[in-house]
């Protein structure tokens, strides 16, 4: 079910389970494309809500606090690290990446190294140590949402798989750029969206349409 974006502040923090930020149909948010697998799997970090609420600013403060908390715990790894027998797919944790602590979720359990997705960025990382994420730090919803581009489909000649060039085109034109994202539908397992670039000057580009112009996709029948 689509819900309004969840607002969070340290003063309101209560013990809870980490939830993903929710999108509402026909609203437009400001986001950042962080990871592209295909036009059917575009990870978008929600930066600004339709009402102008800055999630990125809150995330920066949260990440600093998690890093400080872990720094104090690291003198005793035994109490800070999640025991191996408690790690399963979907385990919520904190991980260290390049000296900074981030919120993560286990995608694949390994013998010594685990595959973890950073829930606020959508990127995958191989990490050895998974740290307990205090409930306090789970009240801000995870900000990375896996989306699919609305109203487009694969070309008949591409069969059942999107061409790698489609993902490369999106990565090249959108990676780490602020974009406007209009939520077309929240039905199915991921939101269906339209993505528009935000150039410093000139007109914006409708990326769903651009994929069609570049012959990486075709309009679906609903278009």
N, C-alpha and C. Protein backbone atom coordinates (compact mmCIF):
# COMPACT_ATOMS: atom_id res chain seq x y z
N UNK A 1 0.84 -1.18 0.00
CA UNK A 1 0.00 0.00 0.00
C UNK A 1 0.88 1.23 0.00
N UNK A 2 0.53 2.23 -0.82
CA UNK A 2 1.31 3.46 -0.89
C UNK A 2 0.94 4.36 0.28
N UNK A 3 1.96 4.89 0.91
CA UNK A 3 1.75 5.76 2.07
C UNK A 3 2.55 7.04 1.88
N UNK A 4 2.24 8.06 2.68
CA UNK A 4 3.02 9.28 2.65
C UNK A 4 4.43 8.99 3.12
N UNK A 5 5.38 9.81 2.69
CA UNK A 5 6.75 9.66 3.16
C UNK A 5 6.80 9.85 4.67
N UNK A 6 7.62 9.04 5.32
CA UNK A 6 7.70 9.05 6.78
C UNK A 6 8.69 10.12 7.22
N UNK A 7 8.27 11.01 8.10
CA UNK A 7 9.18 12.03 8.63
C UNK A 7 9.84 11.50 9.90
N UNK A 8 11.08 11.87 10.10
CA UNK A 8 11.88 11.33 11.21
C UNK A 8 12.69 12.44 11.84
N UNK A 9 12.86 12.41 13.11
CA UNK A 9 13.80 13.29 13.81
C UNK A 9 14.26 12.55 15.05
N UNK A 10 15.46 12.85 15.56
CA UNK A 10 15.95 12.14 16.74
C UNK A 10 14.98 12.24 17.92
N UNK A 11 14.30 13.38 18.03
CA UNK A 11 13.38 13.57 19.16
C UNK A 11 12.20 12.60 19.08
N UNK A 12 11.83 12.20 17.86
CA UNK A 12 10.68 11.32 17.68
C UNK A 12 11.08 9.84 17.62
N UNK A 13 12.37 9.57 17.71
CA UNK A 13 12.84 8.20 17.51
C UNK A 13 12.28 7.26 18.57
N UNK A 14 11.77 6.14 18.11
CA UNK A 14 11.29 5.10 19.01
C UNK A 14 11.81 3.77 18.48
N UNK A 15 11.79 2.77 19.31
CA UNK A 15 12.25 1.47 18.85
C UNK A 15 11.30 0.96 17.76
N UNK A 16 11.88 0.46 16.69
CA UNK A 16 11.05 -0.04 15.61
C UNK A 16 11.86 -0.82 14.61
N UNK A 17 11.19 -1.27 13.57
CA UNK A 17 11.82 -2.06 12.51
C UNK A 17 12.08 -1.15 11.31
N UNK A 18 13.23 -1.31 10.69
CA UNK A 18 13.59 -0.49 9.55
C UNK A 18 12.61 -0.72 8.40
N UNK A 19 11.99 0.36 7.93
CA UNK A 19 11.06 0.28 6.81
C UNK A 19 11.58 1.14 5.67
N UNK A 20 11.15 0.80 4.45
CA UNK A 20 11.55 1.57 3.29
C UNK A 20 10.67 2.80 3.15
N UNK A 21 11.29 3.90 2.73
CA UNK A 21 10.50 5.09 2.49
C UNK A 21 9.44 4.78 1.43
N UNK A 22 8.23 5.25 1.66
CA UNK A 22 7.13 4.92 0.77
C UNK A 22 6.87 6.04 -0.23
N UNK A 23 6.41 5.67 -1.39
CA UNK A 23 6.08 6.63 -2.43
C UNK A 23 4.57 6.66 -2.65
N UNK A 24 4.09 7.79 -3.10
CA UNK A 24 2.66 7.97 -3.31
C UNK A 24 2.41 8.27 -4.78
N UNK A 25 1.46 7.58 -5.37
CA UNK A 25 1.17 7.74 -6.79
C UNK A 25 0.85 9.18 -7.15
N UNK A 26 1.37 9.59 -8.32
CA UNK A 26 1.16 10.91 -8.91
C UNK A 26 1.91 12.03 -8.20
N UNK A 27 2.73 11.69 -7.20
CA UNK A 27 3.57 12.71 -6.59
C UNK A 27 4.94 12.73 -7.27
N UNK A 28 5.64 13.83 -7.12
CA UNK A 28 6.97 13.99 -7.70
C UNK A 28 7.96 14.28 -6.59
N UNK A 29 9.02 13.50 -6.56
CA UNK A 29 10.07 13.69 -5.55
C UNK A 29 11.39 14.03 -6.25
N UNK A 30 12.32 14.57 -5.50
CA UNK A 30 13.68 14.78 -5.99
C UNK A 30 14.54 13.63 -5.50
N UNK A 31 15.25 13.01 -6.42
CA UNK A 31 16.06 11.86 -6.05
C UNK A 31 17.40 11.86 -6.74
N UNK A 32 18.17 10.83 -6.42
CA UNK A 32 19.49 10.65 -7.02
C UNK A 32 19.61 9.20 -7.48
N UNK A 33 19.91 8.98 -8.75
CA UNK A 33 20.09 7.62 -9.25
C UNK A 33 21.46 7.12 -8.79
N UNK A 34 21.45 6.02 -8.04
CA UNK A 34 22.69 5.52 -7.45
C UNK A 34 23.20 4.24 -8.09
N UNK A 35 22.28 3.49 -8.74
CA UNK A 35 22.69 2.17 -9.25
C UNK A 35 21.67 1.73 -10.30
N UNK A 36 22.16 1.27 -11.46
CA UNK A 36 21.27 0.84 -12.53
C UNK A 36 21.64 -0.57 -12.97
N UNK A 37 20.66 -1.47 -12.93
CA UNK A 37 20.85 -2.82 -13.47
C UNK A 37 20.22 -2.92 -14.86
N UNK A 38 19.06 -2.29 -15.03
CA UNK A 38 18.34 -2.26 -16.29
C UNK A 38 17.23 -1.23 -16.15
N UNK A 39 16.51 -0.89 -17.22
CA UNK A 39 15.36 0.02 -17.06
C UNK A 39 14.30 -0.53 -16.11
N UNK A 40 14.35 -1.81 -15.81
CA UNK A 40 13.40 -2.40 -14.86
C UNK A 40 13.96 -2.45 -13.44
N UNK A 41 15.18 -1.98 -13.25
CA UNK A 41 15.80 -1.99 -11.93
C UNK A 41 16.74 -0.79 -11.81
N UNK A 42 16.14 0.34 -11.43
CA UNK A 42 16.89 1.59 -11.26
C UNK A 42 16.77 1.99 -9.79
N UNK A 43 17.89 1.99 -9.09
CA UNK A 43 17.88 2.36 -7.67
C UNK A 43 17.95 3.88 -7.54
N UNK A 44 16.97 4.42 -6.83
CA UNK A 44 16.87 5.87 -6.65
C UNK A 44 16.88 6.18 -5.15
N UNK A 45 17.77 7.08 -4.75
CA UNK A 45 17.79 7.56 -3.38
C UNK A 45 16.85 8.76 -3.28
N UNK A 46 15.86 8.67 -2.40
CA UNK A 46 14.92 9.77 -2.21
C UNK A 46 15.62 10.87 -1.41
N UNK A 47 15.79 12.03 -2.04
CA UNK A 47 16.51 13.14 -1.40
C UNK A 47 15.58 14.18 -0.80
N UNK A 48 14.49 14.46 -1.51
CA UNK A 48 13.58 15.52 -1.11
C UNK A 48 12.15 15.06 -1.34
N UNK A 49 11.33 15.18 -0.32
CA UNK A 49 9.93 14.77 -0.44
C UNK A 49 9.14 15.81 -1.24
N UNK A 50 7.91 15.48 -1.66
CA UNK A 50 7.10 16.46 -2.40
C UNK A 50 6.85 17.74 -1.61
N UNK A 51 6.93 17.67 -0.27
CA UNK A 51 6.71 18.85 0.55
C UNK A 51 8.00 19.60 0.86
N UNK A 52 9.12 19.11 0.31
CA UNK A 52 10.39 19.80 0.52
C UNK A 52 11.19 19.31 1.71
N UNK A 53 10.79 18.19 2.31
CA UNK A 53 11.51 17.65 3.45
C UNK A 53 12.82 17.03 2.98
N UNK A 54 13.95 17.44 3.55
CA UNK A 54 15.27 16.98 3.11
C UNK A 54 15.68 15.72 3.85
N UNK A 55 15.59 14.59 3.15
CA UNK A 55 16.05 13.33 3.72
C UNK A 55 17.57 13.23 3.71
N UNK A 56 18.19 13.83 2.71
CA UNK A 56 19.65 13.74 2.59
C UNK A 56 20.33 14.41 3.78
N UNK A 57 19.81 15.56 4.19
CA UNK A 57 20.39 16.24 5.34
C UNK A 57 20.27 15.38 6.59
N UNK A 58 19.10 14.77 6.77
CA UNK A 58 18.90 13.90 7.92
C UNK A 58 19.79 12.66 7.84
N UNK A 59 19.97 12.13 6.63
CA UNK A 59 20.80 10.94 6.45
C UNK A 59 22.25 11.25 6.81
N UNK A 60 22.75 12.42 6.44
CA UNK A 60 24.12 12.79 6.78
C UNK A 60 24.35 12.80 8.28
N UNK A 61 23.39 13.37 9.01
CA UNK A 61 23.50 13.39 10.47
C UNK A 61 23.42 11.99 11.04
N UNK A 62 22.52 11.17 10.49
CA UNK A 62 22.35 9.80 10.97
C UNK A 62 23.63 8.99 10.75
N UNK A 63 24.23 9.12 9.56
CA UNK A 63 25.45 8.38 9.24
C UNK A 63 26.59 8.78 10.17
N UNK A 64 26.70 10.07 10.46
CA UNK A 64 27.73 10.54 11.41
C UNK A 64 27.52 9.89 12.78
N UNK A 65 26.27 9.84 13.21
CA UNK A 65 25.98 9.27 14.53
C UNK A 65 26.27 7.78 14.59
N UNK A 66 25.92 7.05 13.50
CA UNK A 66 26.20 5.62 13.47
C UNK A 66 27.71 5.38 13.50
N UNK A 67 28.45 6.18 12.74
CA UNK A 67 29.92 6.04 12.71
C UNK A 67 30.51 6.29 14.09
N UNK A 68 30.01 7.30 14.79
CA UNK A 68 30.50 7.60 16.13
C UNK A 68 30.17 6.46 17.10
N UNK A 69 28.93 5.96 17.00
CA UNK A 69 28.51 4.87 17.89
C UNK A 69 29.36 3.62 17.67
N UNK A 70 29.58 3.26 16.38
CA UNK A 70 30.40 2.09 16.09
C UNK A 70 31.83 2.30 16.54
N UNK A 71 32.33 3.51 16.39
CA UNK A 71 33.70 3.80 16.80
C UNK A 71 33.90 3.51 18.27
N UNK A 72 32.88 3.79 19.07
CA UNK A 72 32.98 3.53 20.51
C UNK A 72 32.87 2.05 20.82
N UNK A 73 32.19 1.28 19.93
CA UNK A 73 31.98 -0.14 20.18
C UNK A 73 33.14 -1.00 19.68
N UNK A 74 33.93 -0.48 18.74
CA UNK A 74 34.91 -1.32 18.07
C UNK A 74 36.04 -1.80 18.96
N UNK A 75 36.15 -1.23 20.16
CA UNK A 75 37.19 -1.72 21.07
C UNK A 75 36.88 -3.13 21.55
N UNK A 76 35.60 -3.52 21.37
CA UNK A 76 35.21 -4.88 21.76
C UNK A 76 34.38 -5.48 20.64
N UNK A 77 35.07 -6.03 19.64
CA UNK A 77 34.39 -6.56 18.45
C UNK A 77 33.38 -7.65 18.80
N UNK A 78 33.68 -8.41 19.83
CA UNK A 78 32.82 -9.54 20.15
C UNK A 78 31.39 -9.09 20.46
N UNK A 79 31.23 -7.95 21.10
CA UNK A 79 29.89 -7.47 21.45
C UNK A 79 29.27 -6.64 20.34
N UNK A 80 30.10 -6.10 19.43
CA UNK A 80 29.58 -5.23 18.38
C UNK A 80 29.15 -5.99 17.13
N UNK A 81 29.82 -7.14 16.86
CA UNK A 81 29.57 -7.90 15.64
C UNK A 81 28.37 -8.84 15.82
N UNK A 82 27.54 -8.94 14.79
CA UNK A 82 26.42 -9.88 14.82
C UNK A 82 26.99 -11.30 14.70
N UNK A 83 26.62 -12.21 15.60
CA UNK A 83 27.14 -13.60 15.53
C UNK A 83 26.78 -14.26 14.20
N UNK A 84 27.67 -15.08 13.69
CA UNK A 84 27.48 -15.72 12.39
C UNK A 84 26.19 -16.52 12.33
N UNK A 85 25.83 -17.17 13.43
CA UNK A 85 24.63 -18.01 13.43
C UNK A 85 23.33 -17.20 13.44
N UNK A 86 23.44 -15.87 13.58
CA UNK A 86 22.26 -15.01 13.57
C UNK A 86 22.11 -14.25 12.24
N UNK A 87 23.03 -14.47 11.32
CA UNK A 87 23.00 -13.76 10.05
C UNK A 87 22.21 -14.56 9.03
N UNK A 88 21.18 -13.94 8.48
CA UNK A 88 20.38 -14.56 7.42
C UNK A 88 20.11 -13.52 6.35
N UNK A 89 19.59 -13.97 5.22
CA UNK A 89 19.20 -13.02 4.17
C UNK A 89 18.11 -12.11 4.74
N UNK A 90 18.31 -10.79 4.61
CA UNK A 90 17.37 -9.83 5.15
C UNK A 90 17.78 -9.25 6.49
N UNK A 91 18.87 -9.76 7.09
CA UNK A 91 19.34 -9.21 8.35
C UNK A 91 19.72 -7.75 8.18
N UNK A 92 19.17 -6.89 9.03
CA UNK A 92 19.50 -5.46 9.02
C UNK A 92 20.73 -5.25 9.89
N UNK A 93 21.66 -4.44 9.41
CA UNK A 93 22.93 -4.29 10.11
C UNK A 93 23.56 -2.94 9.80
N UNK A 94 24.67 -2.69 10.45
CA UNK A 94 25.54 -1.57 10.10
C UNK A 94 26.83 -2.15 9.54
N UNK A 95 27.38 -1.52 8.52
CA UNK A 95 28.64 -1.99 7.93
C UNK A 95 29.58 -0.82 7.75
N UNK A 96 30.86 -1.12 7.75
CA UNK A 96 31.88 -0.10 7.51
C UNK A 96 32.34 -0.18 6.06
N UNK A 97 32.27 0.93 5.35
CA UNK A 97 32.74 1.01 3.97
C UNK A 97 33.62 2.25 3.85
N UNK A 98 34.89 2.02 3.57
CA UNK A 98 35.86 3.11 3.43
C UNK A 98 35.86 4.03 4.65
N UNK A 99 35.80 3.42 5.83
CA UNK A 99 35.92 4.18 7.06
C UNK A 99 34.65 4.84 7.55
N UNK A 100 33.53 4.64 6.85
CA UNK A 100 32.25 5.23 7.27
C UNK A 100 31.25 4.11 7.51
N UNK A 101 30.36 4.36 8.45
CA UNK A 101 29.34 3.36 8.78
C UNK A 101 28.05 3.65 8.03
N UNK A 102 27.45 2.60 7.49
CA UNK A 102 26.20 2.74 6.75
C UNK A 102 25.21 1.66 7.18
N UNK A 103 23.94 1.94 6.96
CA UNK A 103 22.90 0.95 7.22
C UNK A 103 22.84 -0.02 6.05
N UNK A 104 22.71 -1.30 6.36
CA UNK A 104 22.71 -2.30 5.31
C UNK A 104 21.71 -3.40 5.57
N UNK A 105 21.50 -4.22 4.53
CA UNK A 105 20.63 -5.39 4.63
C UNK A 105 21.30 -6.53 3.87
N UNK A 106 21.39 -7.68 4.49
CA UNK A 106 22.11 -8.81 3.90
C UNK A 106 21.32 -9.35 2.70
N UNK A 107 22.00 -9.42 1.55
CA UNK A 107 21.41 -10.00 0.34
C UNK A 107 21.82 -11.47 0.18
N UNK A 108 23.05 -11.78 0.56
CA UNK A 108 23.55 -13.14 0.43
C UNK A 108 24.52 -13.43 1.56
N UNK A 109 24.28 -14.53 2.24
CA UNK A 109 25.14 -14.93 3.36
C UNK A 109 26.31 -15.74 2.83
N UNK A 110 27.52 -15.37 3.25
CA UNK A 110 28.71 -16.10 2.84
C UNK A 110 29.37 -16.78 4.03
N UNK A 111 30.45 -17.49 3.77
CA UNK A 111 31.18 -18.15 4.85
C UNK A 111 31.96 -17.14 5.68
N UNK A 112 32.72 -16.29 5.01
CA UNK A 112 33.50 -15.26 5.70
C UNK A 112 33.10 -13.85 5.27
N UNK A 113 32.66 -13.72 4.02
CA UNK A 113 32.29 -12.41 3.47
C UNK A 113 30.84 -12.46 3.03
N UNK A 114 30.09 -11.42 3.36
CA UNK A 114 28.67 -11.36 3.04
C UNK A 114 28.39 -10.26 2.03
N UNK A 115 27.36 -10.47 1.22
CA UNK A 115 26.93 -9.47 0.25
C UNK A 115 25.82 -8.63 0.90
N UNK A 116 26.09 -7.34 1.05
CA UNK A 116 25.17 -6.45 1.77
C UNK A 116 24.80 -5.27 0.87
N UNK A 117 23.51 -4.96 0.86
CA UNK A 117 23.05 -3.78 0.11
C UNK A 117 22.91 -2.61 1.09
N UNK A 118 23.52 -1.48 0.75
CA UNK A 118 23.35 -0.28 1.56
C UNK A 118 21.95 0.26 1.31
N UNK A 119 21.11 0.24 2.34
CA UNK A 119 19.69 0.51 2.15
C UNK A 119 19.38 1.95 1.81
N UNK A 120 20.32 2.84 2.02
CA UNK A 120 20.09 4.25 1.68
C UNK A 120 20.71 4.64 0.34
N UNK A 121 21.40 3.70 -0.30
CA UNK A 121 22.07 3.97 -1.57
C UNK A 121 21.74 2.94 -2.64
N UNK A 122 21.38 1.74 -2.25
CA UNK A 122 21.03 0.71 -3.21
C UNK A 122 22.20 -0.07 -3.77
N UNK A 123 23.41 0.27 -3.38
CA UNK A 123 24.60 -0.39 -3.92
C UNK A 123 24.95 -1.62 -3.10
N UNK A 124 25.60 -2.60 -3.77
CA UNK A 124 26.01 -3.85 -3.12
C UNK A 124 27.48 -3.80 -2.73
N UNK A 125 27.79 -4.38 -1.57
CA UNK A 125 29.17 -4.41 -1.10
C UNK A 125 29.45 -5.75 -0.44
N UNK A 126 30.68 -6.23 -0.59
CA UNK A 126 31.12 -7.44 0.08
C UNK A 126 31.83 -7.03 1.37
N UNK A 127 31.31 -7.49 2.50
CA UNK A 127 31.87 -7.08 3.79
C UNK A 127 32.06 -8.30 4.68
N UNK A 128 33.02 -8.20 5.56
CA UNK A 128 33.32 -9.31 6.46
C UNK A 128 32.55 -9.20 7.76
N UNK A 129 32.56 -8.01 8.36
CA UNK A 129 31.94 -7.83 9.67
C UNK A 129 30.60 -7.10 9.53
N UNK A 130 29.57 -7.67 10.14
CA UNK A 130 28.26 -7.03 10.22
C UNK A 130 28.03 -6.61 11.66
N UNK A 131 27.70 -5.33 11.85
CA UNK A 131 27.53 -4.80 13.20
C UNK A 131 26.05 -4.59 13.51
N UNK A 132 25.73 -4.73 14.78
CA UNK A 132 24.36 -4.51 15.22
C UNK A 132 23.96 -3.06 14.96
N UNK A 133 22.79 -2.88 14.37
CA UNK A 133 22.25 -1.53 14.13
C UNK A 133 21.21 -1.26 15.20
N UNK A 134 21.52 -0.34 16.09
CA UNK A 134 20.60 -0.03 17.19
C UNK A 134 19.23 0.36 16.64
N UNK A 135 18.18 0.00 17.36
CA UNK A 135 16.82 0.33 16.95
C UNK A 135 16.65 1.83 16.72
N UNK A 136 17.36 2.61 17.49
CA UNK A 136 17.30 4.07 17.36
C UNK A 136 17.58 4.51 15.93
N UNK A 137 18.48 3.78 15.25
CA UNK A 137 18.90 4.17 13.91
C UNK A 137 18.04 3.52 12.81
N UNK A 138 16.99 2.84 13.22
CA UNK A 138 16.11 2.21 12.24
C UNK A 138 14.81 2.98 12.05
N UNK A 139 14.67 4.12 12.73
CA UNK A 139 13.41 4.86 12.64
C UNK A 139 13.34 5.77 11.42
N UNK A 140 14.49 6.17 10.89
CA UNK A 140 14.49 6.87 9.60
C UNK A 140 14.33 5.80 8.52
N UNK A 141 13.33 5.90 7.66
CA UNK A 141 13.15 4.85 6.65
C UNK A 141 14.34 4.76 5.71
N UNK A 142 14.58 3.58 5.19
CA UNK A 142 15.65 3.42 4.19
C UNK A 142 15.27 4.21 2.95
N UNK A 143 16.25 4.88 2.36
CA UNK A 143 15.96 5.90 1.34
C UNK A 143 16.16 5.43 -0.09
N UNK A 144 16.75 4.26 -0.31
CA UNK A 144 16.96 3.76 -1.67
C UNK A 144 15.79 2.88 -2.08
N UNK A 145 15.20 3.20 -3.23
CA UNK A 145 14.04 2.46 -3.72
C UNK A 145 14.35 1.90 -5.11
N UNK A 146 14.11 0.62 -5.29
CA UNK A 146 14.31 -0.02 -6.59
C UNK A 146 13.08 0.23 -7.45
N UNK A 147 13.25 0.95 -8.55
CA UNK A 147 12.13 1.37 -9.39
C UNK A 147 12.27 0.80 -10.81
N UNK A 148 11.17 0.80 -11.53
CA UNK A 148 11.22 0.48 -12.95
C UNK A 148 10.69 1.68 -13.73
N UNK A 149 11.19 1.88 -14.93
CA UNK A 149 10.75 3.00 -15.75
C UNK A 149 9.38 2.69 -16.36
N UNK A 150 8.48 3.65 -16.27
CA UNK A 150 7.09 3.44 -16.67
C UNK A 150 6.91 3.54 -18.18
N UNK A 151 5.94 2.79 -18.67
CA UNK A 151 5.42 2.94 -20.04
C UNK A 151 6.39 2.55 -21.15
N UNK A 152 7.45 1.84 -20.82
CA UNK A 152 8.36 1.36 -21.86
C UNK A 152 8.54 -0.14 -21.73
N UNK A 153 8.96 -0.77 -22.82
CA UNK A 153 9.18 -2.21 -22.83
C UNK A 153 10.38 -2.53 -23.71
N UNK A 154 10.85 -3.75 -23.64
CA UNK A 154 11.99 -4.15 -24.45
C UNK A 154 11.60 -4.21 -25.92
N UNK A 155 12.58 -4.00 -26.79
CA UNK A 155 12.36 -4.18 -28.22
C UNK A 155 12.20 -5.67 -28.52
N UNK A 156 11.38 -6.02 -29.51
CA UNK A 156 11.16 -7.45 -29.81
C UNK A 156 12.45 -8.22 -30.06
N UNK A 157 13.42 -7.56 -30.71
CA UNK A 157 14.65 -8.27 -31.04
C UNK A 157 15.53 -8.53 -29.82
N UNK A 158 15.23 -7.89 -28.69
CA UNK A 158 16.03 -8.09 -27.48
C UNK A 158 15.55 -9.26 -26.65
N UNK A 159 14.43 -9.84 -27.05
CA UNK A 159 13.94 -11.03 -26.34
C UNK A 159 13.55 -10.75 -24.91
N UNK A 160 14.00 -11.63 -24.01
CA UNK A 160 13.57 -11.55 -22.61
C UNK A 160 14.49 -10.71 -21.73
N UNK A 161 15.58 -10.19 -22.30
CA UNK A 161 16.56 -9.44 -21.50
C UNK A 161 16.77 -8.05 -22.09
N UNK A 162 16.93 -7.07 -21.20
CA UNK A 162 17.28 -5.74 -21.65
C UNK A 162 18.73 -5.74 -22.13
N UNK A 163 19.04 -4.99 -23.19
CA UNK A 163 20.44 -4.92 -23.63
C UNK A 163 21.30 -4.18 -22.61
N UNK A 164 22.54 -4.60 -22.46
CA UNK A 164 23.44 -3.94 -21.52
C UNK A 164 23.59 -2.46 -21.85
N UNK A 165 23.46 -2.11 -23.14
CA UNK A 165 23.62 -0.72 -23.55
C UNK A 165 22.56 0.19 -22.93
N UNK A 166 21.38 -0.36 -22.64
CA UNK A 166 20.32 0.44 -22.03
C UNK A 166 20.71 0.87 -20.62
N UNK A 167 21.25 -0.08 -19.85
CA UNK A 167 21.71 0.25 -18.50
C UNK A 167 22.90 1.19 -18.54
N UNK A 168 23.81 0.96 -19.48
CA UNK A 168 24.98 1.83 -19.60
C UNK A 168 24.57 3.25 -19.96
N UNK A 169 23.56 3.38 -20.82
CA UNK A 169 23.08 4.70 -21.21
C UNK A 169 22.49 5.44 -20.00
N UNK A 170 21.71 4.73 -19.20
CA UNK A 170 21.13 5.35 -18.02
C UNK A 170 22.20 5.71 -17.00
N UNK A 171 23.16 4.81 -16.79
CA UNK A 171 24.26 5.08 -15.86
C UNK A 171 25.03 6.33 -16.30
N UNK A 172 25.35 6.39 -17.57
CA UNK A 172 26.15 7.50 -18.09
C UNK A 172 25.44 8.84 -17.94
N UNK A 173 24.12 8.85 -18.10
CA UNK A 173 23.38 10.10 -18.10
C UNK A 173 22.75 10.46 -16.75
N UNK A 174 22.67 9.48 -15.85
CA UNK A 174 21.94 9.74 -14.61
C UNK A 174 22.73 9.49 -13.33
N UNK A 175 23.80 8.70 -13.37
CA UNK A 175 24.49 8.28 -12.15
C UNK A 175 24.88 9.48 -11.30
N UNK A 176 24.40 9.46 -10.04
CA UNK A 176 24.72 10.47 -9.04
C UNK A 176 24.20 11.87 -9.37
N UNK A 177 23.31 11.98 -10.35
CA UNK A 177 22.71 13.28 -10.69
C UNK A 177 21.37 13.41 -9.98
N UNK A 178 21.04 14.63 -9.57
CA UNK A 178 19.71 14.88 -9.02
C UNK A 178 18.70 14.85 -10.16
N UNK A 179 17.59 14.17 -9.93
CA UNK A 179 16.55 14.04 -10.94
C UNK A 179 15.18 14.26 -10.31
N UNK A 180 14.21 14.60 -11.14
CA UNK A 180 12.83 14.63 -10.71
C UNK A 180 12.21 13.27 -11.04
N UNK A 181 11.51 12.71 -10.09
CA UNK A 181 10.92 11.38 -10.26
C UNK A 181 9.42 11.49 -10.01
N UNK A 182 8.63 11.22 -11.04
CA UNK A 182 7.18 11.18 -10.86
C UNK A 182 6.74 9.74 -10.72
N UNK A 183 6.01 9.46 -9.65
CA UNK A 183 5.57 8.10 -9.38
C UNK A 183 4.28 7.85 -10.16
N UNK A 184 4.35 6.96 -11.15
CA UNK A 184 3.19 6.65 -11.99
C UNK A 184 2.29 5.63 -11.31
N UNK A 185 2.90 4.61 -10.71
CA UNK A 185 2.13 3.55 -10.08
C UNK A 185 2.93 2.91 -8.96
N UNK A 186 2.24 2.49 -7.92
CA UNK A 186 2.86 1.74 -6.83
C UNK A 186 2.39 0.29 -6.83
N UNK A 187 1.80 -0.14 -7.92
CA UNK A 187 1.35 -1.52 -8.02
C UNK A 187 2.55 -2.42 -8.33
N UNK A 188 2.43 -3.69 -8.00
CA UNK A 188 3.51 -4.62 -8.29
C UNK A 188 4.59 -4.59 -7.22
N UNK A 189 5.74 -5.19 -7.55
CA UNK A 189 6.79 -5.34 -6.55
C UNK A 189 7.71 -4.13 -6.47
N UNK A 190 7.56 -3.16 -7.37
CA UNK A 190 8.38 -1.95 -7.30
C UNK A 190 7.63 -0.80 -7.95
N UNK A 191 7.89 0.45 -7.52
CA UNK A 191 7.21 1.60 -8.12
C UNK A 191 7.59 1.77 -9.59
N UNK A 192 6.61 2.20 -10.37
CA UNK A 192 6.83 2.52 -11.78
C UNK A 192 6.92 4.04 -11.89
N UNK A 193 7.99 4.54 -12.50
CA UNK A 193 8.27 5.98 -12.42
C UNK A 193 8.66 6.57 -13.77
N UNK A 194 8.55 7.88 -13.85
CA UNK A 194 9.12 8.68 -14.93
C UNK A 194 10.28 9.47 -14.34
N UNK A 195 11.39 9.54 -15.07
CA UNK A 195 12.57 10.25 -14.58
C UNK A 195 12.88 11.41 -15.52
N UNK A 196 13.08 12.59 -14.92
CA UNK A 196 13.42 13.79 -15.67
C UNK A 196 14.72 14.37 -15.12
N UNK A 197 15.64 14.71 -16.02
CA UNK A 197 16.90 15.31 -15.58
C UNK A 197 16.65 16.75 -15.14
N UNK A 198 17.58 17.27 -14.35
CA UNK A 198 17.50 18.65 -13.88
C UNK A 198 18.77 19.39 -14.29
N UNK A 199 18.90 19.79 -15.55
CA UNK A 199 20.11 20.48 -15.99
C UNK A 199 20.22 21.87 -15.39
N UNK A 200 21.47 22.32 -15.23
CA UNK A 200 21.69 23.68 -14.70
C UNK A 200 21.12 24.72 -15.64
N UNK A 201 21.15 24.43 -16.94
CA UNK A 201 20.58 25.34 -17.93
C UNK A 201 19.96 24.49 -19.04
N UNK A 202 19.02 25.06 -19.75
CA UNK A 202 18.37 24.33 -20.83
C UNK A 202 17.17 23.55 -20.34
N UNK A 203 16.59 22.78 -21.23
CA UNK A 203 15.36 22.06 -20.90
C UNK A 203 15.68 20.69 -20.30
N UNK A 204 14.73 20.18 -19.51
CA UNK A 204 14.92 18.88 -18.90
C UNK A 204 14.71 17.77 -19.93
N UNK A 205 15.27 16.61 -19.64
CA UNK A 205 15.14 15.45 -20.53
C UNK A 205 14.29 14.39 -19.85
N UNK A 206 13.30 13.89 -20.58
CA UNK A 206 12.45 12.81 -20.10
C UNK A 206 13.14 11.51 -20.48
N UNK A 207 13.76 10.84 -19.49
CA UNK A 207 14.65 9.72 -19.77
C UNK A 207 13.91 8.49 -20.30
N UNK A 208 12.67 8.28 -19.90
CA UNK A 208 11.92 7.15 -20.46
C UNK A 208 11.80 7.33 -21.97
N UNK A 209 11.46 8.54 -22.37
CA UNK A 209 11.32 8.85 -23.79
C UNK A 209 12.66 8.77 -24.50
N UNK A 210 13.72 9.19 -23.82
CA UNK A 210 15.04 9.19 -24.43
C UNK A 210 15.49 7.77 -24.76
N UNK A 211 15.14 6.80 -23.91
CA UNK A 211 15.48 5.42 -24.20
C UNK A 211 14.81 4.94 -25.48
N UNK A 212 13.59 5.40 -25.72
CA UNK A 212 12.88 5.05 -26.95
C UNK A 212 13.56 5.70 -28.15
N UNK A 213 13.92 6.98 -28.01
CA UNK A 213 14.60 7.70 -29.10
C UNK A 213 15.92 7.04 -29.46
N UNK A 214 16.61 6.51 -28.45
CA UNK A 214 17.93 5.89 -28.68
C UNK A 214 17.81 4.43 -29.14
N UNK A 215 16.60 3.96 -29.31
CA UNK A 215 16.31 2.60 -29.77
C UNK A 215 16.78 1.53 -28.77
N UNK A 216 16.69 1.89 -27.46
CA UNK A 216 16.96 0.91 -26.41
C UNK A 216 15.66 0.36 -25.86
N UNK A 217 14.51 0.96 -26.23
CA UNK A 217 13.22 0.55 -25.69
C UNK A 217 12.13 0.97 -26.67
N UNK A 218 10.92 0.48 -26.40
CA UNK A 218 9.73 0.88 -27.17
C UNK A 218 8.65 1.28 -26.18
N UNK A 219 7.73 2.10 -26.64
CA UNK A 219 6.60 2.46 -25.77
C UNK A 219 5.74 1.21 -25.56
N UNK A 220 5.29 1.02 -24.34
CA UNK A 220 4.37 -0.08 -24.08
C UNK A 220 2.97 0.32 -24.54
N UNK A 221 2.07 -0.62 -24.59
CA UNK A 221 0.72 -0.36 -25.08
C UNK A 221 -0.05 0.62 -24.22
N UNK A 222 0.37 0.75 -22.95
CA UNK A 222 -0.33 1.67 -22.05
C UNK A 222 0.03 3.11 -22.31
N UNK A 223 1.13 3.36 -23.09
CA UNK A 223 1.57 4.71 -23.36
C UNK A 223 0.65 5.39 -24.34
